[in-house]
């Protein structure tokens, strides 16, 4: 299974407790087919005080499975599937299956 999204892409959650929320991909974990998306799947972590931090409750993003997100098409603001196309100059680029427009520039 190829990963069709990358760090920095805007995605929309299509399944789970955060369904309908939008966010930016912060990290991709290809070995587990998981992502960390900004503001999605927020977890509360209890931290001890240290010299640098005060400690207490810290909110941070948990991982979400790749199958639960879809790439957000920027011009129509809807979810889209991603395909690949090889250009005349030999570059392989991502294209939106909804509109056929090129995602990578």
PDB file of N, CA and C in Angstrom:
ATOM      1  N   UNK A   1       0.853  -1.187   0.000  1.00  0.00           N
ATOM      2  CA  UNK A   1       0.000   0.000   0.000  1.00  0.00           C
ATOM      3  C   UNK A   1       0.889   1.237   0.000  1.00  0.00           C
ATOM      4  N   UNK A   2       0.715   2.090  -0.992  1.00  0.00           N
ATOM      5  CA  UNK A   2       1.528   3.295  -1.053  1.00  0.00           C
ATOM      6  C   UNK A   2       0.846   4.412  -0.269  1.00  0.00           C
ATOM      7  N   UNK A   3       1.656   5.230   0.364  1.00  0.00           N
ATOM      8  CA  UNK A   3       1.136   6.367   1.119  1.00  0.00           C
ATOM      9  C   UNK A   3       0.999   7.540   0.165  1.00  0.00           C
ATOM     10  N   UNK A   4      -0.212   8.067   0.055  1.00  0.00           N
ATOM     11  CA  UNK A   4      -0.487   9.091  -0.950  1.00  0.00           C
ATOM     12  C   UNK A   4      -0.589  10.490  -0.360  1.00  0.00           C
ATOM     13  N   UNK A   5      -0.337  10.612   0.940  1.00  0.00           N
ATOM     14  CA  UNK A   5      -0.308  11.928   1.581  1.00  0.00           C
ATOM     15  C   UNK A   5       1.069  12.145   2.168  1.00  0.00           C
ATOM     16  N   UNK A   6       1.441  13.415   2.365  1.00  0.00           N
ATOM     17  CA  UNK A   6       2.749  13.704   2.939  1.00  0.00           C
ATOM     18  C   UNK A   6       2.656  14.841   3.937  1.00  0.00           C
ATOM     19  N   UNK A   7       3.730  15.052   4.664  1.00  0.00           N
ATOM     20  CA  UNK A   7       3.789  16.083   5.684  1.00  0.00           C
ATOM     21  C   UNK A   7       3.461  17.444   5.073  1.00  0.00           C
ATOM     22  N   UNK A   8       2.579  18.183   5.748  1.00  0.00           N
ATOM     23  CA  UNK A   8       2.202  19.508   5.271  1.00  0.00           C
ATOM     24  C   UNK A   8       0.892  19.532   4.506  1.00  0.00           C
ATOM     25  N   UNK A   9       0.377  18.365   4.085  1.00  0.00           N
ATOM     26  CA  UNK A   9      -0.901  18.312   3.362  1.00  0.00           C
ATOM     27  C   UNK A   9      -2.061  18.629   4.303  1.00  0.00           C
ATOM     28  N   UNK A  10      -3.115  19.234   3.766  1.00  0.00           N
ATOM     29  CA  UNK A  10      -4.347  19.439   4.512  1.00  0.00           C
ATOM     30  C   UNK A  10      -5.251  18.238   4.273  1.00  0.00           C
ATOM     31  N   UNK A  11      -5.758  17.647   5.370  1.00  0.00           N
ATOM     32  CA  UNK A  11      -6.611  16.473   5.259  1.00  0.00           C
ATOM     33  C   UNK A  11      -7.895  16.697   6.043  1.00  0.00           C
ATOM     34  N   UNK A  12      -8.904  15.887   5.726  1.00  0.00           N
ATOM     35  CA  UNK A  12     -10.162  15.876   6.461  1.00  0.00           C
ATOM     36  C   UNK A  12     -10.363  14.467   6.999  1.00  0.00           C
ATOM     37  N   UNK A  13     -10.842  14.363   8.239  1.00  0.00           N
ATOM     38  CA  UNK A  13     -11.067  13.062   8.867  1.00  0.00           C
ATOM     39  C   UNK A  13     -12.408  12.529   8.381  1.00  0.00           C
ATOM     40  N   UNK A  14     -12.413  11.296   7.846  1.00  0.00           N
ATOM     41  CA  UNK A  14     -13.639  10.728   7.274  1.00  0.00           C
ATOM     42  C   UNK A  14     -14.243   9.633   8.145  1.00  0.00           C
ATOM     43  N   UNK A  15     -13.559   9.244   9.242  1.00  0.00           N
ATOM     44  CA  UNK A  15     -14.089   8.216  10.141  1.00  0.00           C
ATOM     45  C   UNK A  15     -13.520   8.417  11.531  1.00  0.00           C
ATOM     46  N   UNK A  16     -14.289   8.040  12.543  1.00  0.00           N
ATOM     47  CA  UNK A  16     -13.813   8.112  13.923  1.00  0.00           C
ATOM     48  C   UNK A  16     -14.439   9.261  14.692  1.00  0.00           C
ATOM     49  N   UNK A  17     -13.937   9.475  15.901  1.00  0.00           N
ATOM     50  CA  UNK A  17     -14.540  10.479  16.796  1.00  0.00           C
ATOM     51  C   UNK A  17     -14.354  11.913  16.312  1.00  0.00           C
ATOM     52  N   UNK A  18     -13.344  12.156  15.490  1.00  0.00           N
ATOM     53  CA  UNK A  18     -13.080  13.499  14.970  1.00  0.00           C
ATOM     54  C   UNK A  18     -13.568  13.675  13.539  1.00  0.00           C
ATOM     55  N   UNK A  19     -14.547  12.874  13.112  1.00  0.00           N
ATOM     56  CA  UNK A  19     -15.047  12.918  11.735  1.00  0.00           C
ATOM     57  C   UNK A  19     -15.512  14.325  11.370  1.00  0.00           C
ATOM     58  N   UNK A  20     -15.052  14.795  10.188  1.00  0.00           N
ATOM     59  CA  UNK A  20     -15.428  16.115   9.697  1.00  0.00           C
ATOM     60  C   UNK A  20     -14.422  17.203  10.020  1.00  0.00           C
ATOM     61  N   UNK A  21     -13.491  16.932  10.946  1.00  0.00           N
ATOM     62  CA  UNK A  21     -12.486  17.937  11.300  1.00  0.00           C
ATOM     63  C   UNK A  21     -11.385  17.972  10.255  1.00  0.00           C
ATOM     64  N   UNK A  22     -10.780  19.150  10.102  1.00  0.00           N
ATOM     65  CA  UNK A  22      -9.705  19.333   9.131  1.00  0.00           C
ATOM     66  C   UNK A  22      -8.429  19.686   9.871  1.00  0.00           C
ATOM     67  N   UNK A  23      -7.294  19.287   9.297  1.00  0.00           N
ATOM     68  CA  UNK A  23      -6.024  19.608   9.925  1.00  0.00           C
ATOM     69  C   UNK A  23      -4.862  19.376   8.982  1.00  0.00           C
ATOM     70  N   UNK A  24      -3.700  19.816   9.419  1.00  0.00           N
ATOM     71  CA  UNK A  24      -2.469  19.705   8.646  1.00  0.00           C
ATOM     72  C   UNK A  24      -1.665  18.523   9.169  1.00  0.00           C
ATOM     73  N   UNK A  25      -1.069  17.733   8.270  1.00  0.00           N
ATOM     74  CA  UNK A  25      -0.274  16.581   8.683  1.00  0.00           C
ATOM     75  C   UNK A  25       1.042  17.077   9.269  1.00  0.00           C
ATOM     76  N   UNK A  26       1.319  16.663  10.510  1.00  0.00           N
ATOM     77  CA  UNK A  26       2.552  17.040  11.183  1.00  0.00           C
ATOM     78  C   UNK A  26       3.640  15.981  11.017  1.00  0.00           C
ATOM     79  N   UNK A  27       3.220  14.694  10.954  1.00  0.00           N
ATOM     80  CA  UNK A  27       4.196  13.606  10.872  1.00  0.00           C
ATOM     81  C   UNK A  27       3.544  12.406  10.216  1.00  0.00           C
ATOM     82  N   UNK A  28       4.304  11.680   9.392  1.00  0.00           N
ATOM     83  CA  UNK A  28       3.834  10.454   8.745  1.00  0.00           C
ATOM     84  C   UNK A  28       4.677   9.307   9.277  1.00  0.00           C
ATOM     85  N   UNK A  29       4.010   8.217   9.685  1.00  0.00           N
ATOM     86  CA  UNK A  29       4.705   7.030  10.177  1.00  0.00           C
ATOM     87  C   UNK A  29       4.389   5.889   9.208  1.00  0.00           C
ATOM     88  N   UNK A  30       5.202   5.716   8.137  1.00  0.00           N
ATOM     89  CA  UNK A  30       4.875   4.751   7.094  1.00  0.00           C
ATOM     90  C   UNK A  30       4.901   3.299   7.553  1.00  0.00           C
ATOM     91  N   UNK A  31       5.726   2.968   8.544  1.00  0.00           N
ATOM     92  CA  UNK A  31       5.817   1.573   8.996  1.00  0.00           C
ATOM     93  C   UNK A  31       4.515   1.088   9.622  1.00  0.00           C
ATOM     94  N   UNK A  32       3.759   1.998  10.243  1.00  0.00           N
ATOM     95  CA  UNK A  32       2.488   1.639  10.888  1.00  0.00           C
ATOM     96  C   UNK A  32       1.271   2.133  10.112  1.00  0.00           C
ATOM     97  N   UNK A  33       1.473   2.787   8.959  1.00  0.00           N
ATOM     98  CA  UNK A  33       0.385   3.398   8.183  1.00  0.00           C
ATOM     99  C   UNK A  33      -0.427   4.377   9.024  1.00  0.00           C
ATOM    100  N   UNK A  34       0.277   5.215   9.794  1.00  0.00           N
ATOM    101  CA  UNK A  34      -0.387   6.163  10.676  1.00  0.00           C
ATOM    102  C   UNK A  34       0.141   7.578  10.451  1.00  0.00           C
ATOM    103  N   UNK A  35      -0.660   8.566  10.883  1.00  0.00           N
ATOM    104  CA  UNK A  35      -0.322   9.982  10.738  1.00  0.00           C
ATOM    105  C   UNK A  35      -0.533  10.695  12.064  1.00  0.00           C
ATOM    106  N   UNK A  36       0.124  11.829  12.221  1.00  0.00           N
ATOM    107  CA  UNK A  36      -0.181  12.755  13.297  1.00  0.00           C
ATOM    108  C   UNK A  36      -0.712  14.008  12.622  1.00  0.00           C
ATOM    109  N   UNK A  37      -1.963  14.361  12.944  1.00  0.00           N
ATOM    110  CA  UNK A  37      -2.629  15.502  12.309  1.00  0.00           C
ATOM    111  C   UNK A  37      -2.893  16.565  13.376  1.00  0.00           C
ATOM    112  N   UNK A  38      -2.618  17.811  13.026  1.00  0.00           N
ATOM    113  CA  UNK A  38      -2.753  18.932  13.949  1.00  0.00           C
ATOM    114  C   UNK A  38      -4.193  19.069  14.442  1.00  0.00           C
ATOM    115  N   UNK A  39      -4.390  19.001  15.770  1.00  0.00           N
ATOM    116  CA  UNK A  39      -5.702  19.192  16.385  1.00  0.00           C
ATOM    117  C   UNK A  39      -6.617  17.985  16.329  1.00  0.00           C
ATOM    118  N   UNK A  40      -6.145  16.836  15.835  1.00  0.00           N
ATOM    119  CA  UNK A  40      -6.973  15.635  15.708  1.00  0.00           C
ATOM    120  C   UNK A  40      -6.491  14.579  16.700  1.00  0.00           C
ATOM    121  N   UNK A  41      -7.437  13.845  17.316  1.00  0.00           N
ATOM    122  CA  UNK A  41      -7.139  12.765  18.267  1.00  0.00           C
ATOM    123  C   UNK A  41      -6.282  13.289  19.418  1.00  0.00           C
ATOM    124  N   UNK A  42      -6.764  14.342  20.069  1.00  0.00           N
ATOM    125  CA  UNK A  42      -6.021  14.960  21.161  1.00  0.00           C
ATOM    126  C   UNK A  42      -6.015  14.057  22.396  1.00  0.00           C
ATOM    127  N   UNK A  43      -4.821  13.856  22.960  1.00  0.00           N
ATOM    128  CA  UNK A  43      -4.625  13.028  24.137  1.00  0.00           C
ATOM    129  C   UNK A  43      -4.135  13.909  25.281  1.00  0.00           C
ATOM    130  N   UNK A  44      -4.416  13.478  26.524  1.00  0.00           N
ATOM    131  CA  UNK A  44      -3.930  14.183  27.697  1.00  0.00           C
ATOM    132  C   UNK A  44      -2.827  13.362  28.323  1.00  0.00           C
ATOM    133  N   UNK A  45      -1.656  13.963  28.481  1.00  0.00           N
ATOM    134  CA  UNK A  45      -0.511  13.273  29.051  1.00  0.00           C
ATOM    135  C   UNK A  45      -0.161  13.926  30.384  1.00  0.00           C
ATOM    136  N   UNK A  46       0.081  13.103  31.408  1.00  0.00           N
ATOM    137  CA  UNK A  46       0.483  13.593  32.717  1.00  0.00           C
ATOM    138  C   UNK A  46       2.008  13.641  32.745  1.00  0.00           C
ATOM    139  N   UNK A  47       2.574  14.815  32.971  1.00  0.00           N
ATOM    140  CA  UNK A  47       4.032  14.937  32.975  1.00  0.00           C
ATOM    141  C   UNK A  47       4.531  15.371  34.343  1.00  0.00           C
ATOM    142  N   UNK A  48       5.717  14.877  34.709  1.00  0.00           N
ATOM    143  CA  UNK A  48       6.344  15.261  35.963  1.00  0.00           C
ATOM    144  C   UNK A  48       7.069  16.593  35.779  1.00  0.00           C
ATOM    145  N   UNK A  49       7.181  17.377  36.839  1.00  0.00           N
ATOM    146  CA  UNK A  49       7.951  18.611  36.737  1.00  0.00           C
ATOM    147  C   UNK A  49       9.436  18.303  36.529  1.00  0.00           C
ATOM    148  N   UNK A  50      10.090  19.122  35.724  1.00  0.00           N
ATOM    149  CA  UNK A  50      11.530  18.985  35.513  1.00  0.00           C
ATOM    150  C   UNK A  50      12.145  20.384  35.550  1.00  0.00           C
ATOM    151  N   UNK A  51      13.437  20.470  35.291  1.00  0.00           N
ATOM    152  CA  UNK A  51      14.094  21.778  35.304  1.00  0.00           C
ATOM    153  C   UNK A  51      13.567  22.699  34.207  1.00  0.00           C
ATOM    154  N   UNK A  52      13.156  22.113  33.083  1.00  0.00           N
ATOM    155  CA  UNK A  52      12.708  22.928  31.949  1.00  0.00           C
ATOM    156  C   UNK A  52      11.201  23.138  31.909  1.00  0.00           C
ATOM    157  N   UNK A  53      10.417  22.182  32.412  1.00  0.00           N
ATOM    158  CA  UNK A  53       8.956  22.330  32.331  1.00  0.00           C
ATOM    159  C   UNK A  53       8.333  22.224  33.717  1.00  0.00           C
ATOM    160  N   UNK A  54       7.155  22.829  33.839  1.00  0.00           N
ATOM    161  CA  UNK A  54       6.469  22.869  35.117  1.00  0.00           C
ATOM    162  C   UNK A  54       5.798  21.535  35.451  1.00  0.00           C
ATOM    163  N   UNK A  55       5.379  20.785  34.433  1.00  0.00           N
ATOM    164  CA  UNK A  55       4.670  19.535  34.676  1.00  0.00           C
ATOM    165  C   UNK A  55       3.172  19.751  34.682  1.00  0.00           C
ATOM    166  N   UNK A  56       2.420  18.678  34.908  1.00  0.00           N
ATOM    167  CA  UNK A  56       0.968  18.756  34.931  1.00  0.00           C
ATOM    168  C   UNK A  56       0.370  18.072  33.717  1.00  0.00           C
ATOM    169  N   UNK A  57      -0.816  18.520  33.307  1.00  0.00           N
ATOM    170  CA  UNK A  57      -1.510  17.925  32.178  1.00  0.00           C
ATOM    171  C   UNK A  57      -1.102  18.621  30.885  1.00  0.00           C
ATOM    172  N   UNK A  58      -0.702  17.830  29.887  1.00  0.00           N
ATOM    173  CA  UNK A  58      -0.286  18.370  28.598  1.00  0.00           C
ATOM    174  C   UNK A  58      -1.148  17.737  27.513  1.00  0.00           C
ATOM    175  N   UNK A  59      -1.741  18.567  26.650  1.00  0.00           N
ATOM    176  CA  UNK A  59      -2.532  18.059  25.518  1.00  0.00           C
ATOM    177  C   UNK A  59      -1.618  17.895  24.318  1.00  0.00           C
ATOM    178  N   UNK A  60      -1.682  16.728  23.651  1.00  0.00           N
ATOM    179  CA  UNK A  60      -0.910  16.511  22.435  1.00  0.00           C
ATOM    180  C   UNK A  60      -1.674  15.611  21.487  1.00  0.00           C
ATOM    181  N   UNK A  61      -1.260  15.637  20.215  1.00  0.00           N
ATOM    182  CA  UNK A  61      -1.952  14.870  19.186  1.00  0.00           C
ATOM    183  C   UNK A  61      -1.508  13.410  19.211  1.00  0.00           C
ATOM    184  N   UNK A  62      -2.477  12.505  19.079  1.00  0.00           N
ATOM    185  CA  UNK A  62      -2.176  11.092  18.927  1.00  0.00           C
ATOM    186  C   UNK A  62      -2.170  10.731  17.454  1.00  0.00           C
ATOM    187  N   UNK A  63      -1.833   9.482  17.160  1.00  0.00           N
ATOM    188  CA  UNK A  63      -1.796   9.066  15.759  1.00  0.00           C
ATOM    189  C   UNK A  63      -3.184   8.645  15.297  1.00  0.00           C
ATOM    190  N   UNK A  64      -3.381   8.685  13.993  1.00  0.00           N
ATOM    191  CA  UNK A  64      -4.636   8.261  13.368  1.00  0.00           C
ATOM    192  C   UNK A  64      -4.268   7.431  12.146  1.00  0.00           C
ATOM    193  N   UNK A  65      -5.056   6.417  11.841  1.00  0.00           N
ATOM    194  CA  UNK A  65      -4.742   5.552  10.704  1.00  0.00           C
ATOM    195  C   UNK A  65      -4.983   6.292   9.395  1.00  0.00           C
ATOM    196  N   UNK A  66      -4.154   5.990   8.411  1.00  0.00           N
ATOM    197  CA  UNK A  66      -4.215   6.667   7.106  1.00  0.00           C
ATOM    198  C   UNK A  66      -5.583   6.481   6.440  1.00  0.00           C
ATOM    199  N   UNK A  67      -6.205   5.319   6.658  1.00  0.00           N
ATOM    200  CA  UNK A  67      -7.488   5.050   6.004  1.00  0.00           C
ATOM    201  C   UNK A  67      -8.612   5.929   6.543  1.00  0.00           C
ATOM    202  N   UNK A  68      -8.408   6.587   7.672  1.00  0.00           N
ATOM    203  CA  UNK A  68      -9.441   7.427   8.263  1.00  0.00           C
ATOM    204  C   UNK A  68      -9.359   8.888   7.838  1.00  0.00           C
ATOM    205  N   UNK A  69      -8.426   9.218   6.938  1.00  0.00           N
ATOM    206  CA  UNK A  69      -8.322  10.591   6.447  1.00  0.00           C
ATOM    207  C   UNK A  69      -8.349  10.601   4.923  1.00  0.00           C
ATOM    208  N   UNK A  70      -8.743  11.739   4.373  1.00  0.00           N
ATOM    209  CA  UNK A  70      -8.716  11.942   2.922  1.00  0.00           C
ATOM    210  C   UNK A  70      -8.109  13.307   2.658  1.00  0.00           C
ATOM    211  N   UNK A  71      -7.393  13.410   1.570  1.00  0.00           N
ATOM    212  CA  UNK A  71      -6.773  14.677   1.196  1.00  0.00           C
ATOM    213  C   UNK A  71      -7.861  15.705   0.897  1.00  0.00           C
ATOM    214  N   UNK A  72      -7.647  16.938   1.327  1.00  0.00           N
ATOM    215  CA  UNK A  72      -8.617  18.010   1.127  1.00  0.00           C
ATOM    216  C   UNK A  72      -8.268  18.750  -0.153  1.00  0.00           C
ATOM    217  N   UNK A  73      -9.219  18.792  -1.080  1.00  0.00           N
ATOM    218  CA  UNK A  73      -8.998  19.544  -2.320  1.00  0.00           C
ATOM    219  C   UNK A  73      -9.164  21.028  -2.009  1.00  0.00           C
ATOM    220  N   UNK A  74      -8.114  21.843  -2.222  1.00  0.00           N
ATOM    221  CA  UNK A  74      -8.149  23.227  -1.747  1.00  0.00           C
ATOM    222  C   UNK A  74      -9.190  24.118  -2.417  1.00  0.00           C
ATOM    223  N   UNK A  75      -9.423  23.968  -3.722  1.00  0.00           N
ATOM    224  CA  UNK A  75     -10.334  24.895  -4.393  1.00  0.00           C
ATOM    225  C   UNK A  75     -11.807  24.614  -4.126  1.00  0.00           C
ATOM    226  N   UNK A  76     -12.194  23.350  -3.889  1.00  0.00           N
ATOM    227  CA  UNK A  76     -13.608  23.059  -3.613  1.00  0.00           C
ATOM    228  C   UNK A  76     -13.855  22.679  -2.160  1.00  0.00           C
ATOM    229  N   UNK A  77     -12.772  22.545  -1.354  1.00  0.00           N
ATOM    230  CA  UNK A  77     -12.859  22.279   0.084  1.00  0.00           C
ATOM    231  C   UNK A  77     -13.589  20.971   0.392  1.00  0.00           C
ATOM    232  N   UNK A  78     -13.361  19.923  -0.437  1.00  0.00           N
ATOM    233  CA  UNK A  78     -13.965  18.608  -0.222  1.00  0.00           C
ATOM    234  C   UNK A  78     -12.893  17.537  -0.273  1.00  0.00           C
ATOM    235  N   UNK A  79     -13.231  16.358   0.253  1.00  0.00           N
ATOM    236  CA  UNK A  79     -12.292  15.241   0.265  1.00  0.00           C
ATOM    237  C   UNK A  79     -12.113  14.681  -1.139  1.00  0.00           C
ATOM    238  N   UNK A  80     -10.909  14.202  -1.435  1.00  0.00           N
ATOM    239  CA  UNK A  80     -10.628  13.617  -2.733  1.00  0.00           C
ATOM    240  C   UNK A  80      -9.690  12.437  -2.578  1.00  0.00           C
ATOM    241  N   UNK A  81      -9.758  11.526  -3.526  1.00  0.00           N
ATOM    242  CA  UNK A  81      -8.779  10.451  -3.596  1.00  0.00           C
ATOM    243  C   UNK A  81      -7.574  10.971  -4.372  1.00  0.00           C
ATOM    244  N   UNK A  82      -6.455  10.250  -4.226  1.00  0.00           N
ATOM    245  CA  UNK A  82      -5.218  10.694  -4.857  1.00  0.00           C
ATOM    246  C   UNK A  82      -4.740   9.629  -5.832  1.00  0.00           C
ATOM    247  N   UNK A  83      -4.361  10.072  -7.032  1.00  0.00           N
ATOM    248  CA  UNK A  83      -3.779   9.183  -8.024  1.00  0.00           C
ATOM    249  C   UNK A  83      -2.415   9.707  -8.425  1.00  0.00           C
ATOM    250  N   UNK A  84      -1.736   8.958  -9.260  1.00  0.00           N
ATOM    251  CA  UNK A  84      -0.418   9.379  -9.726  1.00  0.00           C
ATOM    252  C   UNK A  84      -0.423   9.481 -11.240  1.00  0.00           C
ATOM    253  N   UNK A  85       0.412  10.391 -11.762  1.00  0.00           N
ATOM    254  CA  UNK A  85       0.521  10.599 -13.195  1.00  0.00           C
ATOM    255  C   UNK A  85       1.979  10.900 -13.505  1.00  0.00           C
ATOM    256  N   UNK A  86       2.475  10.359 -14.599  1.00  0.00           N
ATOM    257  CA  UNK A  86       3.842  10.630 -15.013  1.00  0.00           C
ATOM    258  C   UNK A  86       3.798  11.669 -16.123  1.00  0.00           C
ATOM    259  N   UNK A  87       4.499  12.771 -15.908  1.00  0.00           N
ATOM    260  CA  UNK A  87       4.524  13.874 -16.873  1.00  0.00           C
ATOM    261  C   UNK A  87       5.479  13.561 -18.021  1.00  0.00           C
ATOM    262  N   UNK A  88       5.452  14.424 -19.053  1.00  0.00           N
ATOM    263  CA  UNK A  88       6.304  14.224 -20.230  1.00  0.00           C
ATOM    264  C   UNK A  88       7.792  14.260 -19.876  1.00  0.00           C
ATOM    265  N   UNK A  89       8.146  15.080 -18.881  1.00  0.00           N
ATOM    266  CA  UNK A  89       9.558  15.182 -18.500  1.00  0.00           C
ATOM    267  C   UNK A  89      10.001  14.059 -17.567  1.00  0.00           C
ATOM    268  N   UNK A  90       9.119  13.097 -17.282  1.00  0.00           N
ATOM    269  CA  UNK A  90       9.481  11.924 -16.485  1.00  0.00           C
ATOM    270  C   UNK A  90       9.183  12.043 -15.004  1.00  0.00           C
ATOM    271  N   UNK A  91       8.681  13.212 -14.554  1.00  0.00           N
ATOM    272  CA  UNK A  91       8.358  13.373 -13.135  1.00  0.00           C
ATOM    273  C   UNK A  91       7.043  12.665 -12.805  1.00  0.00           C
ATOM    274  N   UNK A  92       6.993  12.050 -11.623  1.00  0.00           N
ATOM    275  CA  UNK A  92       5.771  11.413 -11.135  1.00  0.00           C
ATOM    276  C   UNK A  92       5.113  12.372 -10.149  1.00  0.00           C
ATOM    277  N   UNK A  93       3.878  12.788 -10.424  1.00  0.00           N
ATOM    278  CA  UNK A  93       3.189  13.760  -9.581  1.00  0.00           C
ATOM    279  C   UNK A  93       1.861  13.186  -9.101  1.00  0.00           C
ATOM    280  N   UNK A  94       1.380  13.739  -7.984  1.00  0.00           N
ATOM    281  CA  UNK A  94       0.073  13.343  -7.461  1.00  0.00           C
ATOM    282  C   UNK A  94      -1.012  14.170  -8.140  1.00  0.00           C
ATOM    283  N   UNK A  95      -2.131  13.528  -8.456  1.00  0.00           N
ATOM    284  CA  UNK A  95      -3.266  14.234  -9.049  1.00  0.00           C
ATOM    285  C   UNK A  95      -4.523  13.914  -8.265  1.00  0.00           C
ATOM    286  N   UNK A  96      -5.454  14.856  -8.241  1.00  0.00           N
ATOM    287  CA  UNK A  96      -6.734  14.675  -7.573  1.00  0.00           C
ATOM    288  C   UNK A  96      -7.646  13.850  -8.468  1.00  0.00           C
ATOM    289  N   UNK A  97      -8.253  12.807  -7.927  1.00  0.00           N
ATOM    290  CA  UNK A  97      -9.175  11.986  -8.712  1.00  0.00           C
ATOM    291  C   UNK A  97     -10.512  12.693  -8.914  1.00  0.00           C
ATOM    292  N   UNK A  98     -10.841  13.653  -8.051  1.00  0.00           N
ATOM    293  CA  UNK A  98     -12.117  14.377  -8.175  1.00  0.00           C
ATOM    294  C   UNK A  98     -12.082  15.370  -9.317  1.00  0.00           C
ATOM    295  N   UNK A  99     -10.992  16.151  -9.433  1.00  0.00           N
ATOM    296  CA  UNK A  99     -10.942  17.192 -10.448  1.00  0.00           C
ATOM    297  C   UNK A  99      -9.918  16.916 -11.543  1.00  0.00           C
ATOM    298  N   UNK A 100      -8.978  16.008 -11.278  1.00  0.00           N
ATOM    299  CA  UNK A 100      -7.939  15.723 -12.248  1.00  0.00           C
ATOM    300  C   UNK A 100      -6.783  16.711 -12.223  1.00  0.00           C
ATOM    301  N   UNK A 101      -6.831  17.675 -11.279  1.00  0.00           N
ATOM    302  CA  UNK A 101      -5.774  18.670 -11.187  1.00  0.00           C
ATOM    303  C   UNK A 101      -4.553  18.121 -10.464  1.00  0.00           C
ATOM    304  N   UNK A 102      -3.406  18.690 -10.794  1.00  0.00           N
ATOM    305  CA  UNK A 102      -2.146  18.285 -10.206  1.00  0.00           C
ATOM    306  C   UNK A 102      -2.034  18.833  -8.782  1.00  0.00           C
ATOM    307  N   UNK A 103      -1.617  17.980  -7.847  1.00  0.00           N
ATOM    308  CA  UNK A 103      -1.468  18.405  -6.446  1.00  0.00           C
ATOM    309  C   UNK A 103      -0.049  18.913  -6.209  1.00  0.00           C
ATOM    310  N   UNK A 104       0.957  18.141  -6.652  1.00  0.00           N
ATOM    311  CA  UNK A 104       2.353  18.559  -6.518  1.00  0.00           C
ATOM    312  C   UNK A 104       2.709  19.515  -7.645  1.00  0.00           C
ATOM    313  N   UNK A 105       3.487  20.521  -7.330  1.00  0.00           N
ATOM    314  CA  UNK A 105       3.889  21.481  -8.352  1.00  0.00           C
ATOM    315  C   UNK A 105       5.367  21.439  -8.592  1.00  0.00           C
TER     316      UNK A 105
END
